[in-house]
N, C-alpha and C. Protein backbone atom coordinates (compact mmCIF):
# COMPACT_ATOMS: atom_id res chain seq x y z
N MET A 1 -17.46 -2.01 -14.44
CA MET A 1 -17.36 -1.31 -15.88
C MET A 1 -17.52 -2.52 -16.59
N LYS A 2 -18.26 -2.57 -17.75
CA LYS A 2 -18.56 -3.76 -18.58
C LYS A 2 -17.78 -3.27 -19.85
N ASP A 3 -17.30 -4.23 -20.45
CA ASP A 3 -16.42 -4.02 -21.79
C ASP A 3 -16.99 -3.18 -22.51
N HIS A 4 -18.04 -3.14 -22.90
CA HIS A 4 -18.85 -2.61 -24.10
C HIS A 4 -18.78 -0.97 -23.45
N GLU A 5 -18.42 -0.54 -21.97
CA GLU A 5 -18.65 0.63 -22.00
C GLU A 5 -17.19 1.45 -22.08
N ILE A 6 -16.53 0.55 -22.25
CA ILE A 6 -15.09 1.11 -22.23
C ILE A 6 -14.61 1.76 -23.60
N SER A 7 -14.28 3.00 -23.70
CA SER A 7 -13.87 3.67 -24.84
C SER A 7 -13.01 4.80 -25.30
N SER A 8 -12.54 4.94 -25.99
CA SER A 8 -11.04 5.41 -26.62
C SER A 8 -11.11 7.05 -25.67
N ASP A 9 -12.56 7.12 -24.88
CA ASP A 9 -12.64 8.41 -24.29
C ASP A 9 -11.81 8.28 -22.79
N LYS A 10 -11.47 6.99 -22.72
CA LYS A 10 -11.26 6.89 -21.45
C LYS A 10 -9.43 7.05 -21.06
N VAL A 11 -9.13 7.40 -22.65
CA VAL A 11 -7.54 7.65 -22.48
C VAL A 11 -7.52 8.97 -22.51
N SER A 12 -8.07 9.71 -23.36
CA SER A 12 -7.92 10.78 -23.75
C SER A 12 -8.96 11.78 -22.72
N SER A 13 -9.55 11.57 -21.79
CA SER A 13 -10.33 12.31 -21.00
C SER A 13 -9.58 12.27 -19.51
N THR A 14 -8.34 11.72 -19.38
CA THR A 14 -7.77 11.33 -18.11
C THR A 14 -6.12 12.04 -17.96
N VAL A 15 -5.74 11.80 -16.99
CA VAL A 15 -3.92 11.93 -16.99
C VAL A 15 -3.31 10.68 -17.11
N ASN A 16 -2.50 10.53 -18.15
CA ASN A 16 -2.12 9.36 -18.56
C ASN A 16 -0.49 9.39 -17.68
N ALA A 17 -0.01 8.16 -17.74
CA ALA A 17 1.37 7.84 -17.42
C ALA A 17 1.74 6.58 -18.03
N LEU A 18 3.20 6.88 -18.63
CA LEU A 18 3.51 5.70 -19.33
C LEU A 18 4.35 4.89 -18.40
N LEU A 19 4.40 3.39 -17.81
CA LEU A 19 5.25 2.97 -17.15
C LEU A 19 6.06 1.78 -18.19
N ILE A 20 7.40 1.88 -17.95
CA ILE A 20 8.27 0.91 -18.77
C ILE A 20 9.08 0.34 -17.32
N ILE A 21 8.51 -0.79 -17.23
CA ILE A 21 8.93 -1.77 -16.52
C ILE A 21 9.99 -2.55 -16.47
N ASP A 22 11.25 -2.45 -15.99
CA ASP A 22 12.13 -3.41 -15.78
C ASP A 22 12.78 -4.21 -17.56
N VAL A 23 13.09 -3.14 -18.25
CA VAL A 23 13.50 -3.64 -19.58
C VAL A 23 15.23 -3.55 -19.20
N GLN A 24 15.81 -4.24 -18.70
CA GLN A 24 17.38 -4.34 -18.43
C GLN A 24 18.00 -5.30 -19.37
N GLU A 25 19.21 -4.68 -18.97
CA GLU A 25 20.02 -5.74 -19.73
C GLU A 25 20.14 -7.18 -19.49
N LYS A 26 20.34 -7.51 -18.58
CA LYS A 26 20.15 -8.94 -17.96
C LYS A 26 18.75 -9.59 -17.80
N ILE A 27 18.05 -8.84 -17.93
CA ILE A 27 16.91 -9.59 -17.62
C ILE A 27 16.32 -9.96 -19.26
N ILE A 28 16.59 -8.93 -20.16
CA ILE A 28 15.78 -9.03 -21.61
C ILE A 28 16.61 -10.06 -22.60
N ARG A 29 17.92 -10.54 -21.95
CA ARG A 29 18.44 -11.55 -23.00
C ARG A 29 17.39 -13.14 -23.08
N PRO A 30 16.72 -13.38 -22.18
CA PRO A 30 16.18 -14.65 -22.42
C PRO A 30 14.30 -14.61 -22.93
N ILE A 31 14.15 -13.39 -22.84
CA ILE A 31 12.70 -12.77 -23.16
C ILE A 31 12.27 -13.62 -24.16
N PHE A 32 11.42 -14.24 -24.32
CA PHE A 32 10.49 -14.72 -25.74
C PHE A 32 10.08 -13.63 -26.51
N ASN A 33 10.36 -13.64 -27.82
CA ASN A 33 9.83 -12.67 -28.59
C ASN A 33 10.47 -10.90 -28.26
N LYS A 34 11.40 -10.65 -27.68
CA LYS A 34 12.34 -9.48 -27.40
C LYS A 34 12.41 -8.71 -28.60
N ASP A 35 12.47 -9.03 -29.58
CA ASP A 35 13.20 -8.03 -30.69
C ASP A 35 11.74 -7.43 -30.96
N LEU A 36 10.46 -8.10 -31.28
CA LEU A 36 9.29 -7.53 -31.59
C LEU A 36 9.23 -6.55 -30.06
N ILE A 37 9.31 -7.10 -28.60
CA ILE A 37 9.06 -6.37 -27.70
C ILE A 37 9.61 -4.76 -27.50
N ILE A 38 10.95 -5.08 -28.01
CA ILE A 38 11.75 -3.82 -28.17
C ILE A 38 11.25 -3.00 -28.87
N LYS A 39 10.97 -3.49 -30.47
CA LYS A 39 10.52 -2.44 -31.43
C LYS A 39 9.49 -1.77 -31.20
N ASN A 40 8.49 -2.60 -30.61
CA ASN A 40 7.08 -2.22 -30.27
C ASN A 40 7.22 -1.15 -29.13
N GLY A 41 8.07 -1.50 -28.27
CA GLY A 41 8.11 -0.26 -27.14
C GLY A 41 9.00 0.82 -27.47
N LYS A 42 9.82 0.86 -28.60
CA LYS A 42 10.36 1.96 -28.83
C LYS A 42 9.58 2.89 -29.53
N LYS A 43 8.37 2.27 -30.40
CA LYS A 43 7.52 2.86 -31.15
C LYS A 43 6.46 3.94 -29.78
N LEU A 44 6.18 2.93 -29.28
CA LEU A 44 5.21 3.48 -28.27
C LEU A 44 5.93 4.71 -27.43
N LEU A 45 7.22 4.53 -26.99
CA LEU A 45 8.14 5.32 -26.27
C LEU A 45 8.24 6.77 -26.99
N TYR A 46 8.35 6.57 -28.23
CA TYR A 46 8.83 7.81 -29.34
C TYR A 46 7.35 8.27 -29.45
N ALA A 47 6.47 7.92 -29.62
CA ALA A 47 4.97 8.64 -29.99
C ALA A 47 4.91 9.22 -28.30
N TYR A 48 4.86 8.50 -27.37
CA TYR A 48 4.31 8.97 -26.45
C TYR A 48 5.09 10.25 -25.90
N GLN A 49 6.35 10.31 -25.97
CA GLN A 49 7.09 11.70 -25.97
C GLN A 49 6.62 12.55 -26.69
N ILE A 50 6.12 12.51 -27.97
CA ILE A 50 5.70 13.45 -28.50
C ILE A 50 4.01 14.12 -28.33
N LEU A 51 3.36 13.21 -27.45
CA LEU A 51 2.18 13.34 -27.33
C LEU A 51 1.60 13.44 -25.72
N GLU A 52 2.53 13.39 -24.83
CA GLU A 52 2.15 12.93 -23.63
C GLU A 52 3.57 13.33 -22.60
N GLU A 53 2.90 13.51 -21.19
CA GLU A 53 3.86 13.76 -20.34
C GLU A 53 3.74 12.20 -19.43
N ASN A 54 4.81 12.50 -18.26
CA ASN A 54 4.47 11.54 -17.18
C ASN A 54 5.22 10.12 -17.85
N ILE A 55 6.28 10.04 -17.93
CA ILE A 55 6.95 8.67 -18.10
C ILE A 55 8.04 8.17 -16.87
N PHE A 56 7.62 7.22 -16.70
CA PHE A 56 8.64 6.14 -15.47
C PHE A 56 9.16 5.07 -15.88
N VAL A 57 10.42 4.93 -15.67
CA VAL A 57 11.09 3.88 -15.97
C VAL A 57 11.56 3.06 -14.74
N SER A 58 11.11 1.86 -14.47
CA SER A 58 11.47 1.20 -13.38
C SER A 58 12.68 0.21 -13.62
N GLU A 59 13.41 0.12 -12.59
CA GLU A 59 14.41 -0.94 -12.77
C GLU A 59 14.66 -1.82 -11.39
N GLN A 60 14.78 -3.14 -11.53
CA GLN A 60 14.90 -4.22 -10.93
C GLN A 60 16.17 -4.17 -10.32
N ASN A 61 16.56 -4.05 -9.18
CA ASN A 61 17.87 -4.67 -8.93
C ASN A 61 18.95 -3.90 -9.30
N PRO A 62 18.93 -2.87 -9.97
CA PRO A 62 20.12 -2.45 -11.06
C PRO A 62 21.69 -2.66 -10.99
N LEU A 63 21.82 -2.81 -9.31
CA LEU A 63 23.15 -3.21 -9.32
C LEU A 63 23.54 -4.53 -9.64
N LYS A 64 22.59 -5.57 -9.90
CA LYS A 64 22.87 -6.81 -10.28
C LYS A 64 22.31 -7.29 -11.87
N LEU A 65 21.08 -6.43 -12.03
CA LEU A 65 20.31 -7.15 -13.51
C LEU A 65 20.97 -5.67 -14.14
N GLY A 66 21.67 -4.74 -14.13
CA GLY A 66 21.84 -3.61 -15.13
C GLY A 66 21.01 -2.69 -15.18
N GLY A 67 21.14 -1.51 -16.10
CA GLY A 67 20.26 -0.82 -16.23
C GLY A 67 19.16 -0.95 -17.69
N THR A 68 18.60 0.07 -17.80
CA THR A 68 17.45 0.11 -18.83
C THR A 68 18.10 0.02 -19.99
N ILE A 69 17.87 -0.65 -21.19
CA ILE A 69 18.52 -0.89 -22.42
C ILE A 69 18.18 0.30 -22.95
N THR A 70 19.31 0.88 -23.70
CA THR A 70 19.53 2.40 -24.33
C THR A 70 17.58 2.64 -25.20
N GLU A 71 17.77 1.69 -25.96
CA GLU A 71 16.57 1.86 -26.75
C GLU A 71 15.19 2.15 -25.94
N LEU A 72 15.36 1.68 -24.76
CA LEU A 72 13.85 2.32 -24.32
C LEU A 72 14.23 3.20 -22.99
N LEU A 73 15.06 3.98 -23.33
CA LEU A 73 15.49 5.10 -22.27
C LEU A 73 14.86 6.26 -22.98
N PRO A 74 13.85 6.91 -22.30
CA PRO A 74 13.53 8.14 -22.70
C PRO A 74 14.59 9.46 -22.89
N LYS A 75 14.45 10.21 -24.04
CA LYS A 75 15.44 11.24 -24.38
C LYS A 75 15.78 12.10 -22.99
N ALA A 76 14.29 12.63 -22.38
CA ALA A 76 14.37 13.59 -21.34
C ALA A 76 13.16 13.64 -20.76
N GLY A 77 13.03 14.21 -19.54
CA GLY A 77 11.74 14.31 -18.68
C GLY A 77 10.86 12.99 -18.40
N PHE A 78 11.68 12.07 -17.69
CA PHE A 78 11.15 11.23 -17.21
C PHE A 78 11.65 10.85 -15.74
N ARG A 79 11.32 9.89 -15.21
CA ARG A 79 11.69 9.66 -13.73
C ARG A 79 11.97 8.25 -13.60
N LYS A 80 13.25 7.89 -12.91
CA LYS A 80 13.62 6.63 -13.19
C LYS A 80 13.50 5.97 -11.34
N ILE A 81 12.77 4.91 -11.53
CA ILE A 81 12.63 4.29 -9.91
C ILE A 81 13.22 3.09 -10.13
N GLU A 82 14.50 2.88 -8.82
CA GLU A 82 15.19 1.78 -8.78
C GLU A 82 14.44 0.96 -7.52
N LYS A 83 14.16 -0.50 -7.67
CA LYS A 83 13.46 -1.14 -6.50
C LYS A 83 13.88 -2.47 -6.68
N MET A 84 13.65 -3.07 -5.26
CA MET A 84 13.58 -4.01 -4.93
C MET A 84 12.41 -4.66 -4.96
N GLU A 85 11.50 -4.33 -4.55
CA GLU A 85 9.94 -4.65 -4.45
C GLU A 85 9.44 -5.39 -6.18
N PHE A 86 8.68 -6.17 -6.26
CA PHE A 86 8.49 -6.62 -7.62
C PHE A 86 7.16 -5.71 -8.12
N SER A 87 6.16 -4.99 -7.45
CA SER A 87 5.19 -4.25 -7.75
C SER A 87 5.57 -2.55 -7.59
N LEU A 88 5.58 -1.91 -8.31
CA LEU A 88 5.93 -0.50 -8.30
C LEU A 88 4.76 0.28 -7.50
N ALA A 89 3.48 -0.56 -7.24
CA ALA A 89 2.37 0.40 -6.30
C ALA A 89 2.67 0.25 -5.18
N LYS A 90 3.58 -0.85 -4.59
CA LYS A 90 4.19 -0.58 -3.15
C LYS A 90 5.20 0.39 -2.65
N ILE A 91 5.61 0.95 -3.62
CA ILE A 91 6.76 2.38 -3.39
C ILE A 91 5.81 3.43 -3.07
N GLU A 92 5.47 3.53 -1.65
CA GLU A 92 4.79 4.91 -1.59
C GLU A 92 4.99 6.35 -2.17
N GLU A 93 6.28 6.44 -2.47
CA GLU A 93 6.98 7.72 -2.92
C GLU A 93 6.42 8.05 -4.37
N PHE A 94 6.42 6.84 -5.11
CA PHE A 94 5.87 6.59 -6.57
C PHE A 94 4.38 7.02 -6.43
N THR A 95 3.54 6.09 -6.02
CA THR A 95 2.35 6.11 -5.88
C THR A 95 1.64 7.82 -5.58
N LYS A 96 2.42 8.13 -4.29
CA LYS A 96 2.05 9.70 -3.91
C LYS A 96 2.37 10.49 -5.15
N GLU A 97 3.34 10.35 -5.87
CA GLU A 97 3.82 11.08 -7.17
C GLU A 97 2.59 11.04 -8.24
N LEU A 98 2.35 9.80 -8.68
CA LEU A 98 0.83 9.47 -9.61
C LEU A 98 -0.05 10.52 -9.20
N LYS A 99 -0.50 10.32 -7.45
CA LYS A 99 -1.69 10.85 -7.37
C LYS A 99 -1.64 12.88 -7.38
N ASN A 100 -0.40 12.92 -6.82
CA ASN A 100 -0.06 14.52 -7.04
C ASN A 100 -0.31 15.47 -8.20
N LYS A 101 0.10 14.16 -9.46
CA LYS A 101 0.11 14.49 -10.87
C LYS A 101 -1.34 14.35 -11.45
N LYS A 102 -2.32 13.66 -10.49
CA LYS A 102 -3.55 13.29 -11.01
C LYS A 102 -3.75 12.62 -11.81
N VAL A 103 -2.65 11.30 -11.96
CA VAL A 103 -2.72 10.50 -12.93
C VAL A 103 -3.71 9.37 -12.41
N THR A 104 -4.45 9.12 -13.54
CA THR A 104 -5.18 7.91 -13.51
C THR A 104 -5.38 7.01 -14.03
N ASN A 105 -4.63 6.70 -15.33
CA ASN A 105 -4.66 5.96 -16.45
C ASN A 105 -2.98 5.48 -16.28
N LEU A 106 -2.55 4.21 -16.55
CA LEU A 106 -1.58 3.63 -16.72
C LEU A 106 -1.28 2.74 -17.48
N ILE A 107 -0.50 3.52 -18.66
CA ILE A 107 -0.02 2.58 -19.82
C ILE A 107 1.21 1.71 -19.42
N VAL A 108 1.29 0.53 -19.69
CA VAL A 108 2.34 -0.19 -19.11
C VAL A 108 2.87 -1.15 -20.33
N CYS A 109 4.19 -1.34 -19.85
CA CYS A 109 4.99 -2.29 -21.07
C CYS A 109 6.30 -2.64 -20.23
N GLY A 110 6.90 -3.34 -20.79
CA GLY A 110 7.98 -3.97 -20.17
C GLY A 110 8.38 -5.47 -20.13
N ILE A 111 8.83 -5.74 -19.07
CA ILE A 111 9.21 -7.20 -18.46
C ILE A 111 9.17 -7.38 -17.15
N GLU A 112 9.06 -8.45 -16.93
CA GLU A 112 8.37 -9.51 -17.37
C GLU A 112 7.02 -9.93 -16.96
N THR A 113 5.88 -9.96 -17.70
CA THR A 113 4.68 -9.69 -17.55
C THR A 113 4.10 -10.62 -16.24
N HIS A 114 4.74 -11.66 -16.01
CA HIS A 114 3.88 -12.65 -14.92
C HIS A 114 4.71 -12.22 -13.49
N ILE A 115 5.61 -11.50 -13.67
CA ILE A 115 6.43 -11.03 -12.39
C ILE A 115 5.80 -9.52 -12.15
N CYS A 116 6.78 -8.67 -12.46
CA CYS A 116 6.64 -6.95 -12.04
C CYS A 116 5.47 -6.82 -12.59
N ILE A 117 5.21 -6.85 -13.61
CA ILE A 117 4.14 -6.62 -14.47
C ILE A 117 2.70 -6.87 -13.77
N GLN A 118 2.74 -7.61 -13.67
CA GLN A 118 1.39 -8.59 -13.00
C GLN A 118 1.11 -7.82 -11.45
N GLN A 119 2.19 -8.17 -10.68
CA GLN A 119 2.07 -7.45 -9.28
C GLN A 119 1.87 -6.26 -9.24
N THR A 120 2.37 -5.25 -10.10
CA THR A 120 2.33 -4.02 -10.31
C THR A 120 0.49 -3.66 -10.46
N VAL A 121 0.31 -4.21 -11.80
CA VAL A 121 -0.79 -4.04 -12.13
C VAL A 121 -2.09 -4.34 -11.34
N LEU A 122 -2.04 -5.65 -10.83
CA LEU A 122 -2.79 -5.75 -9.74
C LEU A 122 -2.94 -5.01 -8.87
N ASP A 123 -2.04 -4.59 -8.03
CA ASP A 123 -1.92 -3.71 -7.12
C ASP A 123 -2.60 -2.19 -7.35
N PHE A 124 -1.97 -1.59 -8.56
CA PHE A 124 -2.61 -0.40 -8.93
C PHE A 124 -4.19 -0.39 -9.26
N LEU A 125 -4.68 -1.35 -10.00
CA LEU A 125 -6.35 -1.75 -9.98
C LEU A 125 -6.71 -1.73 -8.69
N LYS A 126 -6.57 -2.54 -7.64
CA LYS A 126 -6.76 -2.37 -6.19
C LYS A 126 -6.76 -0.76 -5.79
N LYS A 127 -5.88 -0.17 -6.29
CA LYS A 127 -5.90 1.42 -5.69
C LYS A 127 -6.92 2.16 -6.76
N GLY A 128 -7.57 1.49 -7.73
CA GLY A 128 -8.49 2.46 -8.67
C GLY A 128 -8.23 2.93 -9.82
N PHE A 129 -6.98 2.60 -10.35
CA PHE A 129 -6.02 3.31 -11.59
C PHE A 129 -6.82 2.29 -12.52
N GLU A 130 -7.31 3.10 -13.63
CA GLU A 130 -7.36 2.23 -15.09
C GLU A 130 -5.91 2.00 -15.42
N VAL A 131 -5.76 0.49 -15.62
CA VAL A 131 -4.62 0.17 -16.53
C VAL A 131 -4.95 -0.37 -18.14
N PHE A 132 -4.10 0.16 -18.91
CA PHE A 132 -3.95 -0.38 -20.15
C PHE A 132 -2.66 -1.27 -20.33
N LEU A 133 -2.77 -2.41 -20.54
CA LEU A 133 -1.71 -3.51 -20.78
C LEU A 133 -1.32 -3.46 -22.47
N ILE A 134 -0.15 -3.12 -22.68
CA ILE A 134 0.68 -3.10 -23.64
C ILE A 134 0.91 -4.24 -24.34
N SER A 135 -0.21 -5.28 -25.01
CA SER A 135 0.34 -6.53 -24.85
C SER A 135 1.58 -7.09 -25.59
N ASP A 136 1.52 -6.44 -26.86
CA ASP A 136 2.63 -6.85 -27.71
C ASP A 136 4.05 -5.92 -27.69
N SER A 137 3.77 -5.14 -26.39
CA SER A 137 5.20 -4.53 -25.61
C SER A 137 5.67 -5.05 -24.60
N MET A 138 5.34 -6.10 -24.27
CA MET A 138 5.65 -6.70 -22.94
C MET A 138 5.81 -8.15 -23.05
N GLY A 139 6.29 -8.54 -22.41
CA GLY A 139 6.78 -10.23 -22.49
C GLY A 139 7.53 -10.93 -21.22
N SER A 140 7.28 -12.13 -21.29
CA SER A 140 8.30 -13.26 -20.12
C SER A 140 9.24 -13.99 -20.62
N ARG A 141 9.97 -14.69 -20.11
CA ARG A 141 11.09 -16.10 -20.79
C ARG A 141 9.79 -16.90 -21.48
N ASN A 142 8.76 -17.40 -20.79
CA ASN A 142 7.83 -18.00 -21.43
C ASN A 142 6.66 -17.80 -21.97
N LYS A 143 6.48 -18.21 -23.26
CA LYS A 143 5.36 -17.28 -23.81
C LYS A 143 3.74 -17.72 -22.57
N ALA A 144 3.65 -18.84 -22.08
CA ALA A 144 2.62 -19.17 -21.36
C ALA A 144 2.66 -18.53 -20.36
N ASP A 145 3.61 -18.33 -19.66
CA ASP A 145 3.46 -17.28 -18.25
C ASP A 145 3.10 -15.82 -18.81
N HIS A 146 3.26 -15.28 -19.56
CA HIS A 146 2.83 -14.22 -20.44
C HIS A 146 1.36 -14.07 -21.07
N GLU A 147 0.84 -14.71 -21.53
CA GLU A 147 -0.34 -15.18 -21.94
C GLU A 147 -1.17 -15.21 -20.73
N ILE A 148 -0.87 -16.19 -19.60
CA ILE A 148 -1.67 -16.68 -18.27
C ILE A 148 -1.66 -15.00 -17.61
N ALA A 149 -0.74 -14.36 -17.44
CA ALA A 149 -0.73 -13.36 -16.57
C ALA A 149 -1.34 -12.07 -17.42
N LEU A 150 -1.55 -12.04 -18.76
CA LEU A 150 -2.61 -11.43 -19.24
C LEU A 150 -3.70 -11.48 -18.89
N GLN A 151 -4.30 -13.02 -18.84
CA GLN A 151 -5.64 -13.14 -18.82
C GLN A 151 -6.11 -12.90 -17.28
N ARG A 152 -5.06 -13.19 -16.47
CA ARG A 152 -5.46 -12.52 -15.08
C ARG A 152 -5.56 -11.33 -14.77
N MET A 153 -4.86 -10.69 -15.34
CA MET A 153 -5.01 -9.31 -15.26
C MET A 153 -6.20 -8.59 -15.96
N THR A 154 -6.75 -9.01 -17.19
CA THR A 154 -7.66 -8.39 -17.61
C THR A 154 -8.90 -9.00 -16.79
N GLN A 155 -9.06 -10.03 -16.14
CA GLN A 155 -10.05 -10.81 -15.72
C GLN A 155 -10.13 -9.70 -14.27
N LYS A 156 -8.94 -9.19 -13.70
CA LYS A 156 -9.56 -8.20 -12.46
C LYS A 156 -9.45 -6.61 -12.74
N GLY A 157 -9.62 -6.46 -14.44
CA GLY A 157 -10.21 -5.04 -14.90
C GLY A 157 -9.24 -4.43 -15.89
N ALA A 158 -7.93 -4.91 -15.80
CA ALA A 158 -7.17 -4.13 -16.93
C ALA A 158 -7.65 -4.38 -18.24
N ILE A 159 -7.19 -3.49 -19.14
CA ILE A 159 -7.72 -3.22 -20.91
C ILE A 159 -6.39 -3.72 -21.23
N LEU A 160 -6.69 -4.56 -22.17
CA LEU A 160 -5.62 -5.24 -23.08
C LEU A 160 -5.59 -4.45 -24.56
N THR A 161 -4.68 -4.01 -25.03
CA THR A 161 -4.24 -3.48 -26.39
C THR A 161 -3.16 -3.81 -26.92
N THR A 162 -3.01 -3.04 -28.18
CA THR A 162 -1.66 -3.24 -28.52
C THR A 162 -0.85 -1.79 -28.68
N THR A 163 0.43 -1.78 -29.09
CA THR A 163 1.09 -0.75 -29.42
C THR A 163 0.42 0.33 -30.41
N GLU A 164 0.21 0.08 -31.52
CA GLU A 164 -0.71 0.93 -32.52
C GLU A 164 -1.81 1.46 -32.23
N SER A 165 -2.60 0.95 -31.91
CA SER A 165 -3.93 0.97 -31.10
C SER A 165 -3.78 1.88 -30.05
N ILE A 166 -2.65 1.96 -28.87
CA ILE A 166 -3.06 2.91 -27.93
C ILE A 166 -2.40 4.12 -28.40
N ILE A 167 -1.28 4.04 -29.62
CA ILE A 167 -0.66 5.26 -29.68
C ILE A 167 -1.93 6.20 -30.63
N PHE A 168 -2.93 5.54 -31.48
CA PHE A 168 -3.70 6.32 -31.95
C PHE A 168 -4.93 6.91 -31.15
N GLU A 169 -5.17 6.08 -30.10
CA GLU A 169 -5.63 6.66 -28.91
C GLU A 169 -5.33 7.94 -28.37
N LEU A 170 -3.98 8.08 -28.09
CA LEU A 170 -3.61 9.12 -27.62
C LEU A 170 -3.61 10.38 -28.72
N CYS A 171 -3.16 10.06 -29.81
CA CYS A 171 -3.22 10.97 -30.93
C CYS A 171 -4.55 11.29 -31.18
N LYS A 172 -5.79 10.80 -30.99
CA LYS A 172 -6.96 11.37 -31.30
C LYS A 172 -7.67 11.61 -32.82
N THR A 173 -7.11 12.34 -33.48
CA THR A 173 -7.20 12.69 -34.71
C THR A 173 -5.99 12.88 -35.71
N ALA A 174 -6.22 12.85 -37.22
CA ALA A 174 -5.31 13.15 -38.00
C ALA A 174 -5.00 14.56 -38.13
N ASP A 175 -6.08 15.50 -37.70
CA ASP A 175 -5.83 16.74 -37.93
C ASP A 175 -4.94 17.30 -36.94
N ARG A 176 -4.25 16.34 -36.17
CA ARG A 176 -3.11 17.05 -34.88
C ARG A 176 -1.76 17.28 -35.49
N LYS A 177 -1.27 18.35 -35.49
CA LYS A 177 -0.09 18.79 -35.86
C LYS A 177 1.01 17.77 -35.79
N GLU A 178 1.06 17.08 -34.89
CA GLU A 178 1.88 15.92 -35.18
C GLU A 178 1.95 14.65 -35.26
N PHE A 179 0.58 14.53 -35.93
CA PHE A 179 0.18 13.01 -36.92
C PHE A 179 1.22 12.67 -37.78
N LYS A 180 1.73 13.50 -38.71
CA LYS A 180 2.66 12.85 -39.70
C LYS A 180 3.78 12.37 -38.72
N GLU A 181 4.38 12.74 -37.68
CA GLU A 181 5.36 12.38 -37.36
C GLU A 181 5.04 11.14 -36.78
N ILE A 182 3.47 10.86 -36.10
CA ILE A 182 3.21 9.91 -35.45
C ILE A 182 3.20 8.69 -36.32
N ARG A 183 2.55 8.95 -37.53
CA ARG A 183 2.40 8.31 -38.81
C ARG A 183 3.65 7.59 -39.24
N ASN A 184 4.64 8.39 -38.86
CA ASN A 184 6.12 7.83 -39.56
C ASN A 184 6.55 6.95 -38.41
N ILE A 185 6.56 7.05 -37.27
CA ILE A 185 6.86 5.83 -35.66
C ILE A 185 6.32 4.70 -36.15
N ILE A 186 4.86 4.77 -36.64
CA ILE A 186 4.10 3.71 -36.70
C ILE A 186 4.51 2.88 -37.78
N MET A 187 5.02 3.81 -38.95
CA MET A 187 5.12 2.78 -40.41
C MET A 187 6.24 2.39 -40.12
N SER A 188 7.41 2.49 -39.45
CA SER A 188 8.86 2.53 -39.26
C SER A 188 8.97 0.84 -38.75
């Protein structure tokens, strides 16, 4: 598929899942631009909880690296995946759950872009999923690692976007009853 063929219909015509990858206490501390990543991640999570279903939170080796920071834990209705694998796509039970729910689009945020996110995204692209990278809601310790990983994933077919852009794509219209609440989240 060519870039000019990608439209906002891609998000609205299929089943989405939000993946919040490894935003854990010990991992977040040295992340470049972590305050902005947390702020945007919260906006994305709050809006997504209003507009969509299928939220998954992963934790890399939580016994050693701690749990997900409270700001990015959904209120309810999510599934937590504890893992040792860097790629979520290597966890058969999780991949099977996505297929059972007929999920085709993955909306990805979290850390670190060049490790767990990149391996997850590249593997899910190979499995035929459409992947949206929320570039301002993810990061790495080093800015260069983040930027190169984004380039690599987009070269393989992932779609690069921002928090605000994906929220408005999910919302679709200002006529929607939730729009005022969504607008307030964006403006916060």
